[in-house]
Amino acid sequence: MPETLRRLWLEDSGQDIAEYAVMLAVILVLVVGTIRLIGSNANNVFSNVASALQ
């Protein structure tokens, strides 16, 4: 039993997957936030151009 616990403690292959999942979540939050920011600004620009053309 102690050997099994020591092997599980020293084995870190599962940590890599968790780190990639956290990095992916952070990247997704940044991308979604950027798209929402650009999307609302782009909508305002197109509305201003459309009203200026009339």
Protein backbone atom coordinates (compact mmCIF):
# COMPACT_ATOMS: atom_id res chain seq x y z
CA MET A 1 0.00 0.00 0.00
CA PRO A 2 2.71 2.60 0.82
CA GLU A 3 4.37 1.88 -2.54
CA THR A 4 1.10 2.55 -4.37
CA LEU A 5 0.62 5.86 -2.55
CA ARG A 6 4.19 6.91 -3.29
CA ARG A 7 3.77 6.06 -6.98
CA LEU A 8 0.51 8.01 -7.19
CA TRP A 9 2.11 10.99 -5.42
CA LEU A 10 5.11 11.08 -7.76
CA GLU A 11 3.20 10.43 -10.97
CA ASP A 12 2.17 13.76 -12.51
CA SER A 13 0.73 12.81 -15.90
CA GLY A 14 -2.79 13.79 -14.80
CA GLN A 15 -1.66 17.29 -13.88
CA ASP A 16 -0.81 18.06 -17.50
CA ILE A 17 -4.42 17.55 -18.56
CA ALA A 18 -5.70 19.81 -15.80
CA GLU A 19 -3.21 22.54 -16.72
CA TYR A 20 -4.26 22.39 -20.38
CA ALA A 21 -7.92 22.59 -19.35
CA VAL A 22 -7.25 25.70 -17.25
CA MET A 23 -5.28 27.33 -20.08
CA LEU A 24 -8.07 26.54 -22.54
CA ALA A 25 -10.68 28.04 -20.21
CA VAL A 26 -8.64 31.26 -19.81
CA ILE A 27 -8.14 31.55 -23.57
CA LEU A 28 -11.85 31.00 -24.21
CA VAL A 29 -12.81 33.69 -21.69
CA LEU A 30 -10.43 36.15 -23.36
CA VAL A 31 -11.69 35.33 -26.86
CA VAL A 32 -15.36 35.59 -25.90
CA GLY A 33 -14.75 38.88 -24.08
CA THR A 34 -12.87 40.32 -27.04
CA ILE A 35 -15.57 39.25 -29.50
CA ARG A 36 -18.29 40.80 -27.34
CA LEU A 37 -16.34 44.05 -27.06
CA ILE A 38 -15.57 44.26 -30.77
CA GLY A 39 -19.09 43.19 -31.66
CA SER A 40 -20.76 46.01 -29.74
CA ASN A 41 -18.27 48.59 -31.04
CA ALA A 42 -18.71 47.35 -34.61
CA ASN A 43 -22.49 47.61 -34.25
CA ASN A 44 -22.15 51.23 -33.10
CA VAL A 45 -19.85 52.08 -36.02
CA PHE A 46 -22.20 50.55 -38.58
CA SER A 47 -25.18 52.36 -37.03
CA ASN A 48 -23.32 55.69 -37.17
CA VAL A 49 -22.34 55.13 -40.80
CA ALA A 50 -25.89 54.13 -41.76
CA SER A 51 -27.38 57.23 -40.10
CA ALA A 52 -24.74 59.47 -41.73
CA LEU A 53 -25.58 58.12 -45.18
CA GLN A 54 -29.25 59.01 -44.87
